[in-house]
Amino acid sequence: MDSIAGTAHDRWAFQDHEILKRCGVETAREAFRWHLIERGAGLYDWSSARGQVQGALEAGVEVIWDICHWGLPEGLDVMDRDWPRRLADFAVACARMLEQEGAPAAGLVPVNEIAFWAWAGGETGRFAPFLVGQGDMLKAQLVRGHLTAVDALRDAGVRAPIVLCEPLIWIAPQDESERAVRDASRYRAAALDSVAAILDADPSAVDMLGLNHYPHNQWVLGGPRIAADDVNYRRLSLLLGDVLKRFPVPLALAETGAEEPDGDAWLAYVTEELKAAQRADIFLEGVCIYPVMDYAGWDNERHCPCGLIGRDGETRFVRPGQRDAIRALSSLLRVSAGRT
């Protein structure tokens, strides 16, 4: 699926970013569509990206760019031996293109959600490369891709911050048995072991760890989703503390939000949890409402209303509750930015 085309953002990028800017959002996440850009090994057609780049630039919004958000050029298998090098070459080409357009990146995400892609594409066969029971193998390949891309970017003199975006989850054991508790703990740790692998290989390969956290990111191992009023539910502020103890790097929420009619309540919860985190001396670099605009669902292409920008066809409108929640979050983040 091409959600950028599906939302007509490729044609309305300026208007979309102008809405963000009016609501106080001056930094956004976007993705290069690798599958459209690389026509052959090292042959790049930037026509699909220029509208996005110039739209943000003209609106005065800086962008953190995803280099590989799961999509690949035709004929390139993520498990190919040369995939990490192809990714690295593309990453450098993207950075050069942004410099030429006068819009240097606010950050670069070499590979989006390594842990999720490894599960969906390597363990369960839901995503390309449609492998089953080989999640660790795919995860290792994606980690190699990240490290190879970072090395190439630094060798090319690209100094944009490197952002690693990974899911933030909580999994409770099925019961209180020693085995169940151990299995749940191992599963939770594995969700961020790609971060550990990258930092162990090169501590400079991550400038900021972005955590993706949604209402559905907590469940019982092998069982149902955990509701917010369940005794097993772990508050976001505590989850952030868990991560900071394991990885002492700058943190952000790289994706968060909820589908309507729950969007405002979820962002109110996030705001309160960030206040609690700050009281515990945990400060975030940013919060990304994601998706920020209605889109077509992955599984059935239904209209998914979410985020700040609602859509009626190609007509855009602002959800006042989301706008007000974003302003409240912005005030909190200013506290983070001004801390000593």
Protein backbone atom coordinates (compact mmCIF):
# COMPACT_ATOMS: atom_id res chain seq x y z
CA MET A 1 0.00 0.00 0.00
CA ASP A 2 1.09 3.55 -0.75
CA SER A 3 -0.54 5.68 1.94
CA ILE A 4 1.08 8.85 0.62
CA ALA A 5 -0.67 8.43 -2.70
CA GLY A 6 -3.83 7.13 -1.01
CA THR A 7 -4.21 10.31 1.02
CA ALA A 8 -3.13 12.52 -1.92
CA HIS A 9 -0.38 13.88 0.32
CA ASP A 10 2.00 13.72 -2.62
CA ARG A 11 -0.19 16.37 -4.31
CA TRP A 12 -1.23 18.30 -1.18
CA ALA A 13 2.02 18.26 0.80
CA PHE A 14 2.22 22.06 1.16
CA GLN A 15 -1.37 22.33 2.38
CA ASP A 16 -0.90 19.44 4.81
CA HIS A 17 2.28 20.89 6.29
CA GLU A 18 0.72 24.35 6.41
CA ILE A 19 -2.05 22.90 8.59
CA LEU A 20 0.59 21.37 10.87
CA LYS A 21 2.47 24.66 11.09
CA ARG A 22 -0.71 26.61 11.97
CA CYS A 23 -1.33 24.14 14.79
CA GLY A 24 2.18 24.55 16.18
CA VAL A 25 3.85 21.52 14.61
CA GLU A 26 7.18 22.52 13.09
CA THR A 27 8.76 19.05 12.74
CA ALA A 28 7.15 16.09 10.97
CA ARG A 29 7.96 12.53 9.93
CA GLU A 30 7.79 11.66 6.24
CA ALA A 31 8.96 8.67 4.21
CA PHE A 32 10.80 8.38 0.93
CA ARG A 33 9.03 5.88 -1.32
CA TRP A 34 12.01 3.75 -2.25
CA HIS A 35 9.84 1.53 -4.46
CA LEU A 36 9.12 4.52 -6.73
CA ILE A 37 12.50 6.23 -6.58
CA GLU A 38 15.07 3.54 -7.39
CA ARG A 39 14.36 2.37 -10.92
CA GLY A 40 17.45 0.17 -11.06
CA ALA A 41 20.54 -0.29 -8.92
CA GLY A 42 21.78 3.25 -8.29
CA LEU A 43 19.31 4.81 -10.76
CA TYR A 44 17.11 7.29 -8.92
CA ASP A 45 14.02 9.16 -10.07
CA TRP A 46 13.13 11.82 -7.47
CA SER A 47 9.93 13.03 -9.10
CA SER A 48 7.76 11.23 -6.53
CA ALA A 49 9.60 12.89 -3.62
CA ARG A 50 10.05 16.49 -4.71
CA GLY A 51 6.46 17.48 -3.95
CA GLN A 52 6.82 16.20 -0.39
CA VAL A 53 10.18 17.90 0.10
CA GLN A 54 9.17 21.26 -1.34
CA GLY A 55 5.77 21.24 0.35
CA ALA A 56 7.34 20.94 3.79
CA LEU A 57 10.06 23.46 2.91
CA GLU A 58 7.60 26.08 1.69
CA ALA A 59 5.41 25.61 4.77
CA GLY A 60 8.42 25.99 7.07
CA VAL A 61 8.23 22.49 8.54
CA GLU A 62 11.41 20.46 9.01
CA VAL A 63 11.24 16.73 8.35
CA ILE A 64 12.66 13.57 9.89
CA TRP A 65 12.83 11.23 6.89
CA ASP A 66 12.33 7.48 6.84
CA ILE A 67 14.70 5.96 4.30
CA CYS A 68 13.11 2.50 4.30
CA HIS A 69 9.58 2.28 5.68
CA TRP A 70 9.23 -1.38 4.65
CA GLY A 71 8.77 -0.74 0.90
CA LEU A 72 11.49 -1.93 -1.51
CA PRO A 73 12.23 -1.47 -5.22
CA GLU A 74 10.96 -4.13 -7.58
CA GLY A 75 13.31 -7.10 -7.70
CA LEU A 76 15.18 -6.29 -4.48
CA ASP A 77 14.80 -8.84 -1.67
CA VAL A 78 15.56 -7.59 1.85
CA MET A 79 17.39 -10.87 2.48
CA ASP A 80 19.75 -10.37 -0.49
CA ARG A 81 23.43 -10.25 0.44
CA ASP A 82 23.77 -6.76 -1.08
CA TRP A 83 20.62 -5.30 0.52
CA PRO A 84 22.48 -3.43 3.30
CA ARG A 85 24.73 -1.77 0.71
CA ARG A 86 21.78 -0.89 -1.52
CA LEU A 87 20.07 0.68 1.48
CA ALA A 88 23.23 2.60 2.37
CA ASP A 89 23.61 3.93 -1.17
CA PHE A 90 19.97 5.02 -1.18
CA ALA A 91 20.35 6.71 2.20
CA VAL A 92 23.27 8.80 0.96
CA ALA A 93 21.43 9.62 -2.25
CA CYS A 94 18.42 10.81 -0.21
CA ALA A 95 20.61 13.05 1.93
CA ARG A 96 22.28 14.52 -1.16
CA MET A 97 18.91 15.15 -2.81
CA LEU A 98 17.65 16.97 0.30
CA GLU A 99 20.76 19.14 0.37
CA GLN A 100 20.31 20.00 -3.31
CA GLU A 101 16.68 20.95 -2.66
CA GLY A 102 17.76 23.21 0.20
CA ALA A 103 15.94 21.08 2.79
CA PRO A 104 18.50 19.16 4.88
CA ALA A 105 16.94 16.48 7.05
CA ALA A 106 16.08 17.13 10.68
CA GLY A 107 16.78 13.43 11.16
CA LEU A 108 17.08 10.18 9.24
CA VAL A 109 15.48 6.81 10.05
CA PRO A 110 17.42 4.20 8.08
CA VAL A 111 14.96 1.33 8.74
CA ASN A 112 11.55 1.80 10.31
CA GLU A 113 10.54 -0.58 13.14
CA ILE A 114 13.07 -3.37 12.78
CA ALA A 115 11.41 -5.49 15.47
CA PHE A 116 7.95 -5.25 13.92
CA TRP A 117 9.20 -5.96 10.40
CA ALA A 118 11.16 -8.95 11.70
CA TRP A 119 7.99 -10.30 13.30
CA ALA A 120 5.63 -9.52 10.43
CA GLY A 121 8.00 -10.43 7.59
CA GLY A 122 10.27 -13.00 9.16
CA GLU A 123 8.25 -14.77 11.84
CA THR A 124 4.61 -14.78 10.68
CA GLY A 125 4.87 -14.29 6.89
CA ARG A 126 2.46 -11.34 6.81
CA PHE A 127 4.87 -8.89 5.12
CA ALA A 128 7.58 -9.37 2.50
CA PRO A 129 9.81 -11.36 2.46
CA PHE A 130 7.01 -13.66 3.74
CA LEU A 131 9.23 -15.85 5.89
CA VAL A 132 7.95 -18.00 8.74
CA GLY A 133 9.94 -18.83 11.84
CA GLN A 134 12.95 -16.78 10.69
CA GLY A 135 12.36 -13.54 12.57
CA ASP A 136 15.82 -13.51 14.15
CA MET A 137 17.44 -13.92 10.73
CA LEU A 138 15.50 -11.02 9.24
CA LYS A 139 16.14 -8.87 12.33
CA ALA A 140 19.89 -9.45 12.02
CA GLN A 141 19.74 -8.40 8.36
CA LEU A 142 17.81 -5.22 9.20
CA VAL A 143 20.32 -4.38 11.94
CA ARG A 144 23.12 -4.79 9.36
CA GLY A 145 21.21 -2.46 7.09
CA HIS A 146 20.94 0.23 9.74
CA LEU A 147 24.63 0.03 10.64
CA THR A 148 25.77 -0.02 7.01
CA ALA A 149 23.59 2.99 6.18
CA VAL A 150 24.88 4.97 9.17
CA ASP A 151 28.50 4.23 8.22
CA ALA A 152 27.86 5.38 4.65
CA LEU A 153 26.11 8.55 5.76
CA ARG A 154 28.93 9.49 8.11
CA ASP A 155 31.58 8.68 5.49
CA ALA A 156 29.70 10.99 3.10
CA GLY A 157 29.78 13.81 5.66
CA VAL A 158 26.04 13.70 6.40
CA ARG A 159 25.51 14.92 9.96
CA ALA A 160 21.75 14.64 10.31
CA PRO A 161 20.76 12.91 13.55
CA ILE A 162 20.13 9.18 13.22
CA VAL A 163 16.80 8.11 14.66
CA LEU A 164 15.94 4.49 15.42
CA CYS A 165 12.17 3.92 15.69
CA GLU A 166 11.07 0.74 17.47
CA PRO A 167 7.83 -0.48 19.12
CA LEU A 168 7.30 0.09 22.84
CA ILE A 169 5.25 -2.81 24.18
CA TRP A 170 4.24 -4.45 27.42
CA ILE A 171 3.43 -8.16 27.67
CA ALA A 172 2.02 -9.72 30.80
CA PRO A 173 2.41 -13.43 31.68
CA GLN A 174 -0.57 -15.76 31.39
CA ASP A 175 -0.23 -16.70 35.04
CA GLU A 176 2.17 -16.30 37.95
CA SER A 177 4.18 -19.43 37.25
CA GLU A 178 7.94 -19.05 36.97
CA ARG A 179 7.90 -20.19 33.34
CA ALA A 180 5.11 -17.80 32.31
CA VAL A 181 6.81 -14.85 33.97
CA ARG A 182 10.14 -15.75 32.35
CA ASP A 183 8.59 -16.14 28.88
CA ALA A 184 6.82 -12.79 29.07
CA SER A 185 10.01 -11.08 30.24
CA ARG A 186 12.02 -12.58 27.38
CA TYR A 187 9.40 -11.54 24.82
CA ARG A 188 9.39 -7.96 26.14
CA ALA A 189 13.18 -7.76 26.02
CA ALA A 190 13.27 -9.16 22.49
CA ALA A 191 11.11 -6.27 21.23
CA LEU A 192 14.08 -3.95 21.75
CA ASP A 193 17.00 -6.32 21.22
CA SER A 194 17.60 -4.73 17.81
CA VAL A 195 18.39 -1.52 19.72
CA ALA A 196 20.83 -3.43 21.91
CA ALA A 197 22.48 -5.04 18.90
CA ILE A 198 22.98 -1.70 17.15
CA LEU A 199 24.30 0.11 20.22
CA ASP A 200 26.61 -2.77 21.08
CA ALA A 201 28.05 -2.69 17.56
CA ASP A 202 28.34 1.10 17.37
CA PRO A 203 27.18 3.38 20.23
CA SER A 204 27.26 6.34 17.85
CA ALA A 205 24.80 4.72 15.41
CA VAL A 206 21.75 6.05 17.30
CA ASP A 207 21.33 9.72 18.18
CA MET A 208 17.73 9.34 19.31
CA LEU A 209 15.57 6.32 20.10
CA GLY A 210 12.01 6.80 18.91
CA LEU A 211 9.42 4.62 20.63
CA ASN A 212 6.17 3.72 18.90
CA HIS A 213 3.35 3.20 21.39
CA TYR A 214 -0.38 2.79 20.76
CA PRO A 215 -3.39 1.65 22.83
CA HIS A 216 -3.01 -1.87 21.40
CA ASN A 217 0.65 -2.24 22.42
CA GLN A 218 -0.07 -4.18 25.62
CA TRP A 219 -1.32 -7.76 25.75
CA VAL A 220 -1.11 -11.04 27.65
CA LEU A 221 1.42 -13.40 26.10
CA GLY A 222 -0.60 -15.71 23.88
CA GLY A 223 -3.78 -13.93 24.98
CA PRO A 224 -5.90 -10.80 24.62
CA ARG A 225 -5.07 -7.11 24.65
CA ILE A 226 -4.76 -5.57 28.13
CA ALA A 227 -7.31 -2.85 28.86
CA ALA A 228 -6.17 0.39 30.49
CA ASP A 229 -8.09 -0.40 33.71
CA ASP A 230 -6.58 -3.89 34.02
CA VAL A 231 -4.20 -4.58 36.89
CA ASN A 232 -1.65 -5.87 34.34
CA TYR A 233 -1.59 -2.58 32.40
CA ARG A 234 1.71 -0.72 32.70
CA ARG A 235 1.59 3.05 32.50
CA LEU A 236 3.51 4.82 29.76
CA SER A 237 5.69 6.76 32.20
CA LEU A 238 6.88 3.48 33.73
CA LEU A 239 7.56 1.98 30.31
CA LEU A 240 9.68 5.00 29.41
CA GLY A 241 11.62 4.54 32.63
CA ASP A 242 12.20 0.88 31.77
CA VAL A 243 13.69 1.84 28.41
CA LEU A 244 15.88 4.60 29.82
CA LYS A 245 17.37 2.21 32.37
CA ARG A 246 18.29 -0.19 29.58
CA PHE A 247 19.35 2.39 26.98
CA PRO A 248 20.66 5.74 28.29
CA VAL A 249 20.04 7.63 25.03
CA PRO A 250 17.74 10.55 24.12
CA LEU A 251 14.15 9.32 23.79
CA ALA A 252 11.08 10.41 21.85
CA LEU A 253 7.65 9.02 21.10
CA ALA A 254 8.08 8.46 17.38
CA GLU A 255 4.51 7.24 16.88
CA THR A 256 1.44 7.52 19.08
CA GLY A 257 -2.26 8.19 18.66
CA ALA A 258 -5.62 6.44 18.50
CA GLU A 259 -8.39 6.11 15.97
CA GLU A 260 -11.50 8.21 16.51
CA PRO A 261 -13.46 8.54 18.70
CA ASP A 262 -10.61 7.73 21.12
CA GLY A 263 -7.96 10.13 19.82
CA ASP A 264 -8.47 12.98 22.28
CA ALA A 265 -8.66 10.69 25.31
CA TRP A 266 -5.48 8.89 24.28
CA LEU A 267 -3.50 12.11 23.83
CA ALA A 268 -4.80 13.33 27.20
CA TYR A 269 -3.45 10.10 28.71
CA VAL A 270 -0.09 10.59 26.94
CA THR A 271 0.10 14.16 28.26
CA GLU A 272 -0.52 13.09 31.85
CA GLU A 273 2.04 10.29 31.52
CA LEU A 274 4.67 12.70 30.22
CA LYS A 275 4.03 14.90 33.24
CA ALA A 276 4.59 11.87 35.46
CA ALA A 277 7.73 11.02 33.51
CA GLN A 278 9.10 14.53 33.98
CA ARG A 279 8.50 14.26 37.72
CA ALA A 280 10.73 11.18 37.55
CA ASP A 281 13.37 13.16 35.59
CA ILE A 282 12.50 11.44 32.30
CA PHE A 283 12.34 13.98 29.48
CA LEU A 284 11.44 13.35 25.86
CA GLU A 285 12.83 15.08 22.79
CA GLY A 286 9.49 15.00 20.98
CA VAL A 287 6.11 13.36 20.44
CA CYS A 288 4.87 12.37 16.99
CA ILE A 289 1.12 11.96 16.39
CA TYR A 290 1.05 9.13 13.90
CA PRO A 291 -0.70 8.94 11.53
CA VAL A 292 -1.48 12.63 11.66
CA MET A 293 -4.18 12.28 8.98
CA ASP A 294 -6.98 9.87 8.06
CA TYR A 295 -5.79 6.97 5.92
CA ALA A 296 -7.00 3.73 4.34
CA GLY A 297 -6.61 0.72 6.65
CA TRP A 298 -3.87 -1.79 5.89
CA ASP A 299 -6.08 -4.86 6.10
CA ASN A 300 -9.26 -3.73 4.36
CA GLU A 301 -8.65 -0.18 3.05
CA ARG A 302 -11.51 1.16 5.16
CA HIS A 303 -11.45 4.86 6.08
CA CYS A 304 -9.55 5.19 9.38
CA PRO A 305 -10.28 8.57 11.04
CA CYS A 306 -7.34 9.60 13.17
CA GLY A 307 -5.00 12.41 14.05
CA LEU A 308 -5.12 16.15 13.60
CA ILE A 309 -6.19 16.25 9.95
CA GLY A 310 -9.50 14.74 8.91
CA ARG A 311 -10.27 14.00 5.28
CA ASP A 312 -13.48 14.06 3.30
CA GLY A 313 -12.22 12.94 -0.08
CA GLU A 314 -9.36 15.34 -0.74
CA THR A 315 -10.86 18.04 1.51
CA ARG A 316 -8.94 18.55 4.75
CA PHE A 317 -10.28 19.73 8.11
CA VAL A 318 -8.76 20.10 11.58
CA ARG A 319 -10.02 18.17 14.60
CA PRO A 320 -10.15 20.78 17.41
CA GLY A 321 -9.55 18.25 20.18
CA GLN A 322 -6.39 16.97 18.53
CA ARG A 323 -5.19 20.53 17.92
CA ASP A 324 -5.66 21.41 21.60
CA ALA A 325 -3.97 18.18 22.72
CA ILE A 326 -0.98 18.91 20.48
CA ARG A 327 -0.66 22.37 22.00
CA ALA A 328 -0.68 20.86 25.50
CA LEU A 329 2.01 18.38 24.47
CA SER A 330 4.06 21.20 22.94
CA SER A 331 4.02 23.06 26.26
CA LEU A 332 5.38 19.96 28.00
CA LEU A 333 8.10 19.51 25.42
CA ARG A 334 9.20 23.11 25.92
CA VAL A 335 9.79 22.17 29.55
CA SER A 336 11.95 19.29 28.35
CA ALA A 337 13.87 21.53 25.96
CA GLY A 338 14.52 24.12 28.69
CA ARG A 339 15.73 21.71 31.37
CA THR A 340 19.28 22.05 32.70
